[in-house]
Every structure is written in structure tokens, then in C-alpha cells.
Amino acid sequence: MKISFSNKKMEKLANDYRKCQKEMGQIRAKLLHKRLGDLFDALTLEDVRYLPGHYHELTGNRKGQWACDLDQPHRLIFEPHENPIPTYATGKYIWLEIKGVEILEIIDYHGK
């Protein structure tokens, strides 16, 4: 799958494991690089849907974005390159047609 980054900081963390580990700690850095590897190896978003990391669609003011777990409570947030995001007639997203994502941020959005 094609992966892009919303900012240079995220791109540097993704491409420099040592810097990532220094800034985020060993556990989060390892999980971030694992999740990015899973996304990179996937052909579509459907390929990661049931992998460890609990890939899921977000709702509310984050509708149109996805998240996967890093170390609790931090999540890796991303959105599809496809615009508009492919949907069924029911309004559900078609994970199988999403072939690229933009990594937005790592955040703890719970309780906000």
C-alpha cells in the first residue's frame, strides 16, 4: 500500500528508528514500525483489518479517519488517499478499495 505522511516529523520518525525510539520510547517505536510495515505490505486496507493492532474506523469529528493501537492509550491515526472515500450504498466504507493512506499523527484521543 502507498503510504504518505502529513508532516516531516512523522516521516522522520517512520524512517529513522533510532530517532523514533529516542523520542517515543522502545515499546511505542517498535509498535509504530510494526504497524507501518503491516500497512506497507498490504495491497488494500482490508489486508490489515484483522491483524493485531485493532485497525478501525473512527467516528464523530474524526469520521473518515482510521486508527490502530500502539501502546495504550496511543493510536496511530491515518486517512485514505482516495477522495471521496469509497462507500457502499449503505454508507459503510469499502476497505477493499482503499489502496493508500496518509499518516496523520500519533495521539491519545480518549477523554478529549
PDB file of N, CA and C in Angstrom:
ATOM      1  N   MET A   1       0.840  -1.160   0.000  1.00  0.00           N
ATOM      2  CA  MET A   1       0.000   0.000   0.000  1.00  0.00           C
ATOM      3  C   MET A   1       0.894   1.235   0.000  1.00  0.00           C
ATOM      4  N   LYS A   2       0.436   2.262  -0.657  1.00  0.00           N
ATOM      5  CA  LYS A   2       1.192   3.517  -0.685  1.00  0.00           C
ATOM      6  C   LYS A   2       0.961   4.268   0.627  1.00  0.00           C
ATOM      7  N   ILE A   3       2.048   4.749   1.221  1.00  0.00           N
ATOM      8  CA  ILE A   3       1.966   5.486   2.488  1.00  0.00           C
ATOM      9  C   ILE A   3       2.615   6.855   2.298  1.00  0.00           C
ATOM     10  N   SER A   4       1.906   7.883   2.733  1.00  0.00           N
ATOM     11  CA  SER A   4       2.482   9.224   2.766  1.00  0.00           C
ATOM     12  C   SER A   4       2.321   9.762   4.187  1.00  0.00           C
ATOM     13  N   PHE A   5       2.923  10.900   4.433  1.00  0.00           N
ATOM     14  CA  PHE A   5       2.922  11.476   5.786  1.00  0.00           C
ATOM     15  C   PHE A   5       2.436  12.917   5.729  1.00  0.00           C
ATOM     16  N   SER A   6       1.675  13.315   6.734  1.00  0.00           N
ATOM     17  CA  SER A   6       1.102  14.658   6.767  1.00  0.00           C
ATOM     18  C   SER A   6       2.129  15.723   7.112  1.00  0.00           C
ATOM     19  N   ASN A   7       3.245  15.302   7.724  1.00  0.00           N
ATOM     20  CA  ASN A   7       4.275  16.273   8.081  1.00  0.00           C
ATOM     21  C   ASN A   7       5.649  15.596   8.133  1.00  0.00           C
ATOM     22  N   LYS A   8       6.672  16.422   8.108  1.00  0.00           N
ATOM     23  CA  LYS A   8       8.051  15.920   8.093  1.00  0.00           C
ATOM     24  C   LYS A   8       8.422  15.181   9.376  1.00  0.00           C
ATOM     25  N   LYS A   9       7.867  15.626  10.504  1.00  0.00           N
ATOM     26  CA  LYS A   9       8.192  14.980  11.777  1.00  0.00           C
ATOM     27  C   LYS A   9       7.762  13.510  11.759  1.00  0.00           C
ATOM     28  N   MET A  10       6.532  13.245  11.316  1.00  0.00           N
ATOM     29  CA  MET A  10       6.055  11.850  11.246  1.00  0.00           C
ATOM     30  C   MET A  10       6.899  11.040  10.262  1.00  0.00           C
ATOM     31  N   GLU A  11       7.259  11.653   9.154  1.00  0.00           N
ATOM     32  CA  GLU A  11       8.075  10.956   8.159  1.00  0.00           C
ATOM     33  C   GLU A  11       9.452  10.607   8.724  1.00  0.00           C
ATOM     34  N   LYS A  12      10.045  11.522   9.474  1.00  0.00           N
ATOM     35  CA  LYS A  12      11.349  11.249  10.083  1.00  0.00           C
ATOM     36  C   LYS A  12      11.262  10.133  11.118  1.00  0.00           C
ATOM     37  N   LEU A  13      10.207  10.142  11.929  1.00  0.00           N
ATOM     38  CA  LEU A  13      10.032   9.083  12.925  1.00  0.00           C
ATOM     39  C   LEU A  13       9.865   7.724  12.250  1.00  0.00           C
ATOM     40  N   ALA A  14       9.180   7.719  11.119  1.00  0.00           N
ATOM     41  CA  ALA A  14       8.954   6.465  10.389  1.00  0.00           C
ATOM     42  C   ALA A  14      10.226   5.952   9.725  1.00  0.00           C
ATOM     43  N   ASN A  15      11.089   6.856   9.313  1.00  0.00           N
ATOM     44  CA  ASN A  15      12.275   6.467   8.548  1.00  0.00           C
ATOM     45  C   ASN A  15      13.550   6.359   9.377  1.00  0.00           C
ATOM     46  N   ASP A  16      13.501   6.785  10.624  1.00  0.00           N
ATOM     47  CA  ASP A  16      14.687   6.739  11.479  1.00  0.00           C
ATOM     48  C   ASP A  16      14.312   6.082  12.812  1.00  0.00           C
ATOM     49  N   TYR A  17      14.517   4.769  12.873  1.00  0.00           N
ATOM     50  CA  TYR A  17      14.093   4.012  14.061  1.00  0.00           C
ATOM     51  C   TYR A  17      14.774   4.520  15.325  1.00  0.00           C
ATOM     52  N   ARG A  18      16.043   4.850  15.221  1.00  0.00           N
ATOM     53  CA  ARG A  18      16.783   5.332  16.394  1.00  0.00           C
ATOM     54  C   ARG A  18      16.173   6.622  16.954  1.00  0.00           C
ATOM     55  N   LYS A  19      15.872   7.566  16.062  1.00  0.00           N
ATOM     56  CA  LYS A  19      15.250   8.829  16.456  1.00  0.00           C
ATOM     57  C   LYS A  19      13.865   8.558  17.055  1.00  0.00           C
ATOM     58  N   CYS A  20      13.138   7.668  16.431  1.00  0.00           N
ATOM     59  CA  CYS A  20      11.805   7.305  16.908  1.00  0.00           C
ATOM     60  C   CYS A  20      11.886   6.717  18.310  1.00  0.00           C
ATOM     61  N   GLN A  21      12.803   5.815  18.516  1.00  0.00           N
ATOM     62  CA  GLN A  21      12.971   5.167  19.817  1.00  0.00           C
ATOM     63  C   GLN A  21      13.382   6.179  20.884  1.00  0.00           C
ATOM     64  N   LYS A  22      14.251   7.103  20.522  1.00  0.00           N
ATOM     65  CA  LYS A  22      14.705   8.115  21.471  1.00  0.00           C
ATOM     66  C   LYS A  22      13.556   9.048  21.876  1.00  0.00           C
ATOM     67  N   GLU A  23      12.721   9.403  20.908  1.00  0.00           N
ATOM     68  CA  GLU A  23      11.638  10.346  21.164  1.00  0.00           C
ATOM     69  C   GLU A  23      10.409   9.695  21.801  1.00  0.00           C
ATOM     70  N   MET A  24      10.119   8.452  21.436  1.00  0.00           N
ATOM     71  CA  MET A  24       8.867   7.826  21.855  1.00  0.00           C
ATOM     72  C   MET A  24       9.040   6.657  22.810  1.00  0.00           C
ATOM     73  N   GLY A  25      10.233   6.193  22.987  1.00  0.00           N
ATOM     74  CA  GLY A  25      10.460   5.020  23.816  1.00  0.00           C
ATOM     75  C   GLY A  25      10.480   3.760  22.979  1.00  0.00           C
ATOM     76  N   GLN A  26      11.073   2.728  23.526  1.00  0.00           N
ATOM     77  CA  GLN A  26      11.284   1.484  22.791  1.00  0.00           C
ATOM     78  C   GLN A  26       9.977   0.804  22.393  1.00  0.00           C
ATOM     79  N   ILE A  27       9.027   0.720  23.310  1.00  0.00           N
ATOM     80  CA  ILE A  27       7.789  -0.014  23.026  1.00  0.00           C
ATOM     81  C   ILE A  27       6.987   0.655  21.921  1.00  0.00           C
ATOM     82  N   ARG A  28       6.745   1.959  22.046  1.00  0.00           N
ATOM     83  CA  ARG A  28       5.937   2.661  21.038  1.00  0.00           C
ATOM     84  C   ARG A  28       6.650   2.691  19.688  1.00  0.00           C
ATOM     85  N   ALA A  29       7.954   2.878  19.683  1.00  0.00           N
ATOM     86  CA  ALA A  29       8.708   2.889  18.428  1.00  0.00           C
ATOM     87  C   ALA A  29       8.600   1.539  17.725  1.00  0.00           C
ATOM     88  N   LYS A  30       8.735   0.477  18.480  1.00  0.00           N
ATOM     89  CA  LYS A  30       8.637  -0.873  17.896  1.00  0.00           C
ATOM     90  C   LYS A  30       7.250  -1.109  17.304  1.00  0.00           C
ATOM     91  N   LEU A  31       6.215  -0.729  18.057  1.00  0.00           N
ATOM     92  CA  LEU A  31       4.852  -0.919  17.568  1.00  0.00           C
ATOM     93  C   LEU A  31       4.554  -0.032  16.365  1.00  0.00           C
ATOM     94  N   LEU A  32       5.031   1.204  16.380  1.00  0.00           N
ATOM     95  CA  LEU A  32       4.819   2.099  15.234  1.00  0.00           C
ATOM     96  C   LEU A  32       5.423   1.491  13.976  1.00  0.00           C
ATOM     97  N   HIS A  33       6.650   1.019  14.072  1.00  0.00           N
ATOM     98  CA  HIS A  33       7.311   0.454  12.898  1.00  0.00           C
ATOM     99  C   HIS A  33       6.659  -0.857  12.456  1.00  0.00           C
ATOM    100  N   LYS A  34       6.126  -1.608  13.378  1.00  0.00           N
ATOM    101  CA  LYS A  34       5.386  -2.832  13.027  1.00  0.00           C
ATOM    102  C   LYS A  34       4.119  -2.480  12.256  1.00  0.00           C
ATOM    103  N   ARG A  35       3.349  -1.495  12.763  1.00  0.00           N
ATOM    104  CA  ARG A  35       2.091  -1.099  12.098  1.00  0.00           C
ATOM    105  C   ARG A  35       2.374  -0.497  10.715  1.00  0.00           C
ATOM    106  N   LEU A  36       3.414   0.316  10.617  1.00  0.00           N
ATOM    107  CA  LEU A  36       3.758   0.887   9.315  1.00  0.00           C
ATOM    108  C   LEU A  36       4.182  -0.203   8.333  1.00  0.00           C
ATOM    109  N   GLY A  37       4.916  -1.198   8.818  1.00  0.00           N
ATOM    110  CA  GLY A  37       5.297  -2.331   7.974  1.00  0.00           C
ATOM    111  C   GLY A  37       4.090  -3.110   7.500  1.00  0.00           C
ATOM    112  N   ASP A  38       3.120  -3.319   8.391  1.00  0.00           N
ATOM    113  CA  ASP A  38       1.887  -4.015   8.011  1.00  0.00           C
ATOM    114  C   ASP A  38       1.154  -3.244   6.918  1.00  0.00           C
ATOM    115  N   LEU A  39       1.050  -1.922   7.080  1.00  0.00           N
ATOM    116  CA  LEU A  39       0.369  -1.098   6.073  1.00  0.00           C
ATOM    117  C   LEU A  39       1.126  -1.128   4.751  1.00  0.00           C
ATOM    118  N   PHE A  40       2.440  -1.022   4.811  1.00  0.00           N
ATOM    119  CA  PHE A  40       3.251  -1.027   3.598  1.00  0.00           C
ATOM    120  C   PHE A  40       3.118  -2.348   2.843  1.00  0.00           C
ATOM    121  N   ASP A  41       3.070  -3.452   3.562  1.00  0.00           N
ATOM    122  CA  ASP A  41       2.979  -4.780   2.937  1.00  0.00           C
ATOM    123  C   ASP A  41       1.587  -5.090   2.384  1.00  0.00           C
ATOM    124  N   ALA A  42       0.582  -4.375   2.836  1.00  0.00           N
ATOM    125  CA  ALA A  42      -0.795  -4.627   2.412  1.00  0.00           C
ATOM    126  C   ALA A  42      -1.046  -4.090   1.003  1.00  0.00           C
ATOM    127  N   LEU A  43      -1.925  -4.745   0.275  1.00  0.00           N
ATOM    128  CA  LEU A  43      -2.354  -4.220  -1.021  1.00  0.00           C
ATOM    129  C   LEU A  43      -3.505  -3.235  -0.840  1.00  0.00           C
ATOM    130  N   THR A  44      -4.383  -3.542   0.111  1.00  0.00           N
ATOM    131  CA  THR A  44      -5.515  -2.670   0.426  1.00  0.00           C
ATOM    132  C   THR A  44      -5.682  -2.610   1.943  1.00  0.00           C
ATOM    133  N   LEU A  45      -6.492  -1.690   2.403  1.00  0.00           N
ATOM    134  CA  LEU A  45      -6.725  -1.567   3.836  1.00  0.00           C
ATOM    135  C   LEU A  45      -7.379  -2.827   4.403  1.00  0.00           C
ATOM    136  N   GLU A  46      -8.129  -3.540   3.586  1.00  0.00           N
ATOM    137  CA  GLU A  46      -8.764  -4.787   4.019  1.00  0.00           C
ATOM    138  C   GLU A  46      -7.725  -5.801   4.510  1.00  0.00           C
ATOM    139  N   ASP A  47      -6.521  -5.766   3.948  1.00  0.00           N
ATOM    140  CA  ASP A  47      -5.473  -6.722   4.310  1.00  0.00           C
ATOM    141  C   ASP A  47      -4.990  -6.570   5.751  1.00  0.00           C
ATOM    142  N   VAL A  48      -5.196  -5.403   6.354  1.00  0.00           N
ATOM    143  CA  VAL A  48      -4.752  -5.198   7.740  1.00  0.00           C
ATOM    144  C   VAL A  48      -5.921  -5.219   8.725  1.00  0.00           C
ATOM    145  N   ARG A  49      -7.108  -5.292   8.212  1.00  0.00           N
ATOM    146  CA  ARG A  49      -8.315  -5.151   9.037  1.00  0.00           C
ATOM    147  C   ARG A  49      -8.321  -6.057  10.274  1.00  0.00           C
ATOM    148  N   TYR A  50      -7.870  -7.294  10.136  1.00  0.00           N
ATOM    149  CA  TYR A  50      -7.941  -8.249  11.240  1.00  0.00           C
ATOM    150  C   TYR A  50      -6.566  -8.613  11.803  1.00  0.00           C
ATOM    151  N   LEU A  51      -5.552  -7.839  11.460  1.00  0.00           N
ATOM    152  CA  LEU A  51      -4.219  -8.058  12.035  1.00  0.00           C
ATOM    153  C   LEU A  51      -4.180  -7.494  13.458  1.00  0.00           C
ATOM    154  N   PRO A  52      -3.204  -7.906  14.250  1.00  0.00           N
ATOM    155  CA  PRO A  52      -3.046  -7.289  15.574  1.00  0.00           C
ATOM    156  C   PRO A  52      -2.881  -5.780  15.411  1.00  0.00           C
ATOM    157  N   GLY A  53      -3.449  -5.048  16.327  1.00  0.00           N
ATOM    158  CA  GLY A  53      -3.391  -3.596  16.266  1.00  0.00           C
ATOM    159  C   GLY A  53      -4.763  -2.955  16.214  1.00  0.00           C
ATOM    160  N   HIS A  54      -5.794  -3.784  16.054  1.00  0.00           N
ATOM    161  CA  HIS A  54      -7.173  -3.284  16.085  1.00  0.00           C
ATOM    162  C   HIS A  54      -7.368  -2.093  15.150  1.00  0.00           C
ATOM    163  N   TYR A  55      -7.194  -2.312  13.855  1.00  0.00           N
ATOM    164  CA  TYR A  55      -7.436  -1.279  12.848  1.00  0.00           C
ATOM    165  C   TYR A  55      -8.934  -1.010  12.801  1.00  0.00           C
ATOM    166  N   HIS A  56      -9.309   0.255  12.941  1.00  0.00           N
ATOM    167  CA  HIS A  56     -10.747   0.563  12.988  1.00  0.00           C
ATOM    168  C   HIS A  56     -11.033   1.973  12.479  1.00  0.00           C
ATOM    169  N   GLU A  57     -12.266   2.125  11.997  1.00  0.00           N
ATOM    170  CA  GLU A  57     -12.749   3.415  11.536  1.00  0.00           C
ATOM    171  C   GLU A  57     -13.083   4.275  12.753  1.00  0.00           C
ATOM    172  N   LEU A  58     -12.860   5.557  12.614  1.00  0.00           N
ATOM    173  CA  LEU A  58     -13.214   6.486  13.677  1.00  0.00           C
ATOM    174  C   LEU A  58     -14.554   7.152  13.354  1.00  0.00           C
ATOM    175  N   THR A  59     -15.156   7.722  14.356  1.00  0.00           N
ATOM    176  CA  THR A  59     -16.467   8.336  14.192  1.00  0.00           C
ATOM    177  C   THR A  59     -16.436   9.776  14.713  1.00  0.00           C
ATOM    178  N   GLY A  60     -17.588  10.407  14.669  1.00  0.00           N
ATOM    179  CA  GLY A  60     -17.710  11.773  15.190  1.00  0.00           C
ATOM    180  C   GLY A  60     -16.889  12.751  14.375  1.00  0.00           C
ATOM    181  N   ASN A  61     -16.142  13.616  15.066  1.00  0.00           N
ATOM    182  CA  ASN A  61     -15.348  14.620  14.356  1.00  0.00           C
ATOM    183  C   ASN A  61     -14.130  14.018  13.663  1.00  0.00           C
ATOM    184  N   ARG A  62     -13.896  12.742  13.836  1.00  0.00           N
ATOM    185  CA  ARG A  62     -12.786  12.051  13.148  1.00  0.00           C
ATOM    186  C   ARG A  62     -13.301  11.087  12.076  1.00  0.00           C
ATOM    187  N   LYS A  63     -14.570  11.205  11.692  1.00  0.00           N
ATOM    188  CA  LYS A  63     -15.121  10.353  10.637  1.00  0.00           C
ATOM    189  C   LYS A  63     -14.297  10.543   9.368  1.00  0.00           C
ATOM    190  N   GLY A  64     -13.979   9.433   8.706  1.00  0.00           N
ATOM    191  CA  GLY A  64     -13.130   9.470   7.524  1.00  0.00           C
ATOM    192  C   GLY A  64     -11.676   9.176   7.843  1.00  0.00           C
ATOM    193  N   GLN A  65     -11.393   8.990   9.128  1.00  0.00           N
ATOM    194  CA  GLN A  65     -10.055   8.618   9.569  1.00  0.00           C
ATOM    195  C   GLN A  65     -10.111   7.218  10.172  1.00  0.00           C
ATOM    196  N   TRP A  66      -8.947   6.576  10.216  1.00  0.00           N
ATOM    197  CA  TRP A  66      -8.796   5.257  10.820  1.00  0.00           C
ATOM    198  C   TRP A  66      -7.753   5.362  11.916  1.00  0.00           C
ATOM    199  N   ALA A  67      -7.741   4.359  12.803  1.00  0.00           N
ATOM    200  CA  ALA A  67      -6.739   4.289  13.859  1.00  0.00           C
ATOM    201  C   ALA A  67      -6.323   2.840  14.049  1.00  0.00           C
ATOM    202  N   CYS A  68      -5.133   2.674  14.594  1.00  0.00           N
ATOM    203  CA  CYS A  68      -4.699   1.369  15.072  1.00  0.00           C
ATOM    204  C   CYS A  68      -3.944   1.597  16.373  1.00  0.00           C
ATOM    205  N   ASP A  69      -3.957   0.585  17.221  1.00  0.00           N
ATOM    206  CA  ASP A  69      -3.359   0.691  18.542  1.00  0.00           C
ATOM    207  C   ASP A  69      -1.842   0.672  18.483  1.00  0.00           C
ATOM    208  N   LEU A  70      -1.254   1.504  19.319  1.00  0.00           N
ATOM    209  CA  LEU A  70       0.165   1.406  19.624  1.00  0.00           C
ATOM    210  C   LEU A  70       0.204   0.956  21.080  1.00  0.00           C
ATOM    211  N   ASP A  71       0.979   1.606  21.922  1.00  0.00           N
ATOM    212  CA  ASP A  71       0.914   1.286  23.349  1.00  0.00           C
ATOM    213  C   ASP A  71      -0.231   2.110  23.943  1.00  0.00           C
ATOM    214  N   GLN A  72      -0.993   1.496  24.825  1.00  0.00           N
ATOM    215  CA  GLN A  72      -2.177   2.162  25.379  1.00  0.00           C
ATOM    216  C   GLN A  72      -1.796   3.438  26.091  1.00  0.00           C
ATOM    217  N   PRO A  73      -2.486   4.521  25.900  1.00  0.00           N
ATOM    218  CA  PRO A  73      -3.696   4.719  25.098  1.00  0.00           C
ATOM    219  C   PRO A  73      -3.410   5.368  23.746  1.00  0.00           C
ATOM    220  N   HIS A  74      -2.202   5.278  23.228  1.00  0.00           N
ATOM    221  CA  HIS A  74      -1.817   5.962  21.998  1.00  0.00           C
ATOM    222  C   HIS A  74      -2.258   5.204  20.753  1.00  0.00           C
ATOM    223  N   ARG A  75      -2.675   5.988  19.755  1.00  0.00           N
ATOM    224  CA  ARG A  75      -3.138   5.428  18.487  1.00  0.00           C
ATOM    225  C   ARG A  75      -2.396   6.095  17.330  1.00  0.00           C
ATOM    226  N   LEU A  76      -2.191   5.319  16.275  1.00  0.00           N
ATOM    227  CA  LEU A  76      -1.681   5.838  15.014  1.00  0.00           C
ATOM    228  C   LEU A  76      -2.911   6.204  14.177  1.00  0.00           C
ATOM    229  N   ILE A  77      -3.009   7.461  13.759  1.00  0.00           N
ATOM    230  CA  ILE A  77      -4.166   7.944  13.012  1.00  0.00           C
ATOM    231  C   ILE A  77      -3.771   8.146  11.551  1.00  0.00           C
ATOM    232  N   PHE A  78      -4.645   7.684  10.644  1.00  0.00           N
ATOM    233  CA  PHE A  78      -4.388   7.839   9.212  1.00  0.00           C
ATOM    234  C   PHE A  78      -5.700   7.972   8.468  1.00  0.00           C
ATOM    235  N   GLU A  79      -5.606   8.468   7.227  1.00  0.00           N
ATOM    236  CA  GLU A  79      -6.795   8.581   6.384  1.00  0.00           C
ATOM    237  C   GLU A  79      -6.448   8.124   4.977  1.00  0.00           C
ATOM    238  N   PRO A  80      -7.451   7.640   4.252  1.00  0.00           N
ATOM    239  CA  PRO A  80      -7.212   7.138   2.896  1.00  0.00           C
ATOM    240  C   PRO A  80      -6.807   8.242   1.932  1.00  0.00           C
ATOM    241  N   HIS A  81      -6.026   7.879   0.927  1.00  0.00           N
ATOM    242  CA  HIS A  81      -5.705   8.806  -0.162  1.00  0.00           C
ATOM    243  C   HIS A  81      -6.936   9.033  -1.033  1.00  0.00           C
ATOM    244  N   GLU A  82      -7.787   8.019  -1.138  1.00  0.00           N
ATOM    245  CA  GLU A  82      -8.945   8.103  -2.017  1.00  0.00           C
ATOM    246  C   GLU A  82      -9.878   9.234  -1.570  1.00  0.00           C
ATOM    247  N   ASN A  83     -10.286  10.054  -2.542  1.00  0.00           N
ATOM    248  CA  ASN A  83     -11.190  11.155  -2.247  1.00  0.00           C
ATOM    249  C   ASN A  83     -12.191  11.267  -3.380  1.00  0.00           C
ATOM    250  N   PRO A  84     -13.443  10.952  -3.153  1.00  0.00           N
ATOM    251  CA  PRO A  84     -14.034  10.578  -1.872  1.00  0.00           C
ATOM    252  C   PRO A  84     -13.674   9.142  -1.489  1.00  0.00           C
ATOM    253  N   ILE A  85     -13.815   8.853  -0.216  1.00  0.00           N
ATOM    254  CA  ILE A  85     -13.555   7.505   0.282  1.00  0.00           C
ATOM    255  C   ILE A  85     -14.644   6.586  -0.276  1.00  0.00           C
ATOM    256  N   PRO A  86     -14.273   5.451  -0.887  1.00  0.00           N
ATOM    257  CA  PRO A  86     -15.267   4.544  -1.460  1.00  0.00           C
ATOM    258  C   PRO A  86     -16.230   4.015  -0.392  1.00  0.00           C
ATOM    259  N   THR A  87     -17.517   4.051  -0.708  1.00  0.00           N
ATOM    260  CA  THR A  87     -18.537   3.566   0.224  1.00  0.00           C
ATOM    261  C   THR A  87     -19.549   2.698  -0.506  1.00  0.00           C
ATOM    262  N   TYR A  88     -20.161   1.811   0.258  1.00  0.00           N
ATOM    263  CA  TYR A  88     -21.307   1.051  -0.231  1.00  0.00           C
ATOM    264  C   TYR A  88     -22.525   1.965  -0.216  1.00  0.00           C
ATOM    265  N   ALA A  89     -23.625   1.516  -0.809  1.00  0.00           N
ATOM    266  CA  ALA A  89     -24.879   2.280  -0.802  1.00  0.00           C
ATOM    267  C   ALA A  89     -25.356   2.535   0.629  1.00  0.00           C
ATOM    268  N   THR A  90     -24.978   1.651   1.548  1.00  0.00           N
ATOM    269  CA  THR A  90     -25.376   1.800   2.950  1.00  0.00           C
ATOM    270  C   THR A  90     -24.576   2.870   3.678  1.00  0.00           C
ATOM    271  N   GLY A  91     -23.503   3.362   3.037  1.00  0.00           N
ATOM    272  CA  GLY A  91     -22.663   4.370   3.666  1.00  0.00           C
ATOM    273  C   GLY A  91     -21.420   3.810   4.334  1.00  0.00           C
ATOM    274  N   LYS A  92     -21.331   2.486   4.441  1.00  0.00           N
ATOM    275  CA  LYS A  92     -20.131   1.873   5.041  1.00  0.00           C
ATOM    276  C   LYS A  92     -18.967   1.991   4.071  1.00  0.00           C
ATOM    277  N   TYR A  93     -17.774   2.193   4.640  1.00  0.00           N
ATOM    278  CA  TYR A  93     -16.579   2.310   3.815  1.00  0.00           C
ATOM    279  C   TYR A  93     -16.196   0.960   3.223  1.00  0.00           C
ATOM    280  N   ILE A  94     -15.645   0.988   2.015  1.00  0.00           N
ATOM    281  CA  ILE A  94     -15.189  -0.225   1.330  1.00  0.00           C
ATOM    282  C   ILE A  94     -13.675  -0.334   1.529  1.00  0.00           C
ATOM    283  N   TRP A  95     -13.281  -1.043   2.565  1.00  0.00           N
ATOM    284  CA  TRP A  95     -11.862  -1.188   2.913  1.00  0.00           C
ATOM    285  C   TRP A  95     -11.062  -1.767   1.753  1.00  0.00           C
ATOM    286  N   LEU A  96     -11.676  -2.640   0.972  1.00  0.00           N
ATOM    287  CA  LEU A  96     -11.006  -3.333  -0.125  1.00  0.00           C
ATOM    288  C   LEU A  96     -10.571  -2.380  -1.236  1.00  0.00           C
ATOM    289  N   GLU A  97     -11.182  -1.223  -1.336  1.00  0.00           N
ATOM    290  CA  GLU A  97     -10.864  -0.266  -2.402  1.00  0.00           C
ATOM    291  C   GLU A  97      -9.913   0.840  -1.946  1.00  0.00           C
ATOM    292  N   ILE A  98      -9.461   0.785  -0.708  1.00  0.00           N
ATOM    293  CA  ILE A  98      -8.525   1.797  -0.201  1.00  0.00           C
ATOM    294  C   ILE A  98      -7.111   1.267  -0.374  1.00  0.00           C
ATOM    295  N   LYS A  99      -6.350   1.931  -1.245  1.00  0.00           N
ATOM    296  CA  LYS A  99      -5.031   1.416  -1.634  1.00  0.00           C
ATOM    297  C   LYS A  99      -3.879   2.310  -1.207  1.00  0.00           C
ATOM    298  N   GLY A 100      -4.163   3.325  -0.427  1.00  0.00           N
ATOM    299  CA  GLY A 100      -3.114   4.211   0.060  1.00  0.00           C
ATOM    300  C   GLY A 100      -3.619   5.009   1.248  1.00  0.00           C
ATOM    301  N   VAL A 101      -2.711   5.340   2.159  1.00  0.00           N
ATOM    302  CA  VAL A 101      -3.094   6.113   3.342  1.00  0.00           C
ATOM    303  C   VAL A 101      -2.060   7.198   3.626  1.00  0.00           C
ATOM    304  N   GLU A 102      -2.542   8.247   4.275  1.00  0.00           N
ATOM    305  CA  GLU A 102      -1.663   9.299   4.766  1.00  0.00           C
ATOM    306  C   GLU A 102      -1.630   9.209   6.279  1.00  0.00           C
ATOM    307  N   ILE A 103      -0.445   9.070   6.833  1.00  0.00           N
ATOM    308  CA  ILE A 103      -0.263   9.010   8.281  1.00  0.00           C
ATOM    309  C   ILE A 103      -0.375  10.434   8.821  1.00  0.00           C
ATOM    310  N   LEU A 104      -1.299  10.630   9.756  1.00  0.00           N
ATOM    311  CA  LEU A 104      -1.561  11.969  10.273  1.00  0.00           C
ATOM    312  C   LEU A 104      -0.826  12.267  11.573  1.00  0.00           C
ATOM    313  N   GLU A 105      -0.985  11.368  12.555  1.00  0.00           N
ATOM    314  CA  GLU A 105      -0.425  11.664  13.872  1.00  0.00           C
ATOM    315  C   GLU A 105      -0.465  10.439  14.778  1.00  0.00           C
ATOM    316  N   ILE A 106       0.207  10.574  15.889  1.00  0.00           N
ATOM    317  CA  ILE A 106       0.104   9.618  16.989  1.00  0.00           C
ATOM    318  C   ILE A 106      -0.472  10.411  18.145  1.00  0.00           C
ATOM    319  N   ILE A 107      -1.572   9.910  18.711  1.00  0.00           N
ATOM    320  CA  ILE A 107      -2.280  10.704  19.713  1.00  0.00           C
ATOM    321  C   ILE A 107      -3.046   9.795  20.676  1.00  0.00           C
ATOM    322  N   ASP A 108      -3.298  10.332  21.854  1.00  0.00           N
ATOM    323  CA  ASP A 108      -4.247   9.737  22.793  1.00  0.00           C
ATOM    324  C   ASP A 108      -5.493  10.606  22.723  1.00  0.00           C
ATOM    325  N   TYR A 109      -6.489  10.168  21.947  1.00  0.00           N
ATOM    326  CA  TYR A 109      -7.695  10.988  21.760  1.00  0.00           C
ATOM    327  C   TYR A 109      -8.812  10.627  22.744  1.00  0.00           C
ATOM    328  N   HIS A 110      -8.583   9.682  23.613  1.00  0.00           N
ATOM    329  CA  HIS A 110      -9.609   9.290  24.567  1.00  0.00           C
ATOM    330  C   HIS A 110      -9.728  10.334  25.679  1.00  0.00           C
ATOM    331  N   GLY A 111     -10.932  10.605  26.072  1.00  0.00           N
ATOM    332  CA  GLY A 111     -11.168  11.550  27.141  1.00  0.00           C
ATOM    333  C   GLY A 111     -11.025  13.003  26.727  1.00  0.00           C
ATOM    334  N   LYS A 112     -10.978  13.244  25.413  1.00  0.00           N
ATOM    335  CA  LYS A 112     -10.860  14.637  24.941  1.00  0.00           C
ATOM    336  C   LYS A 112     -12.169  15.121  24.396  1.00  0.00           C
TER     337      LYS A 112
END
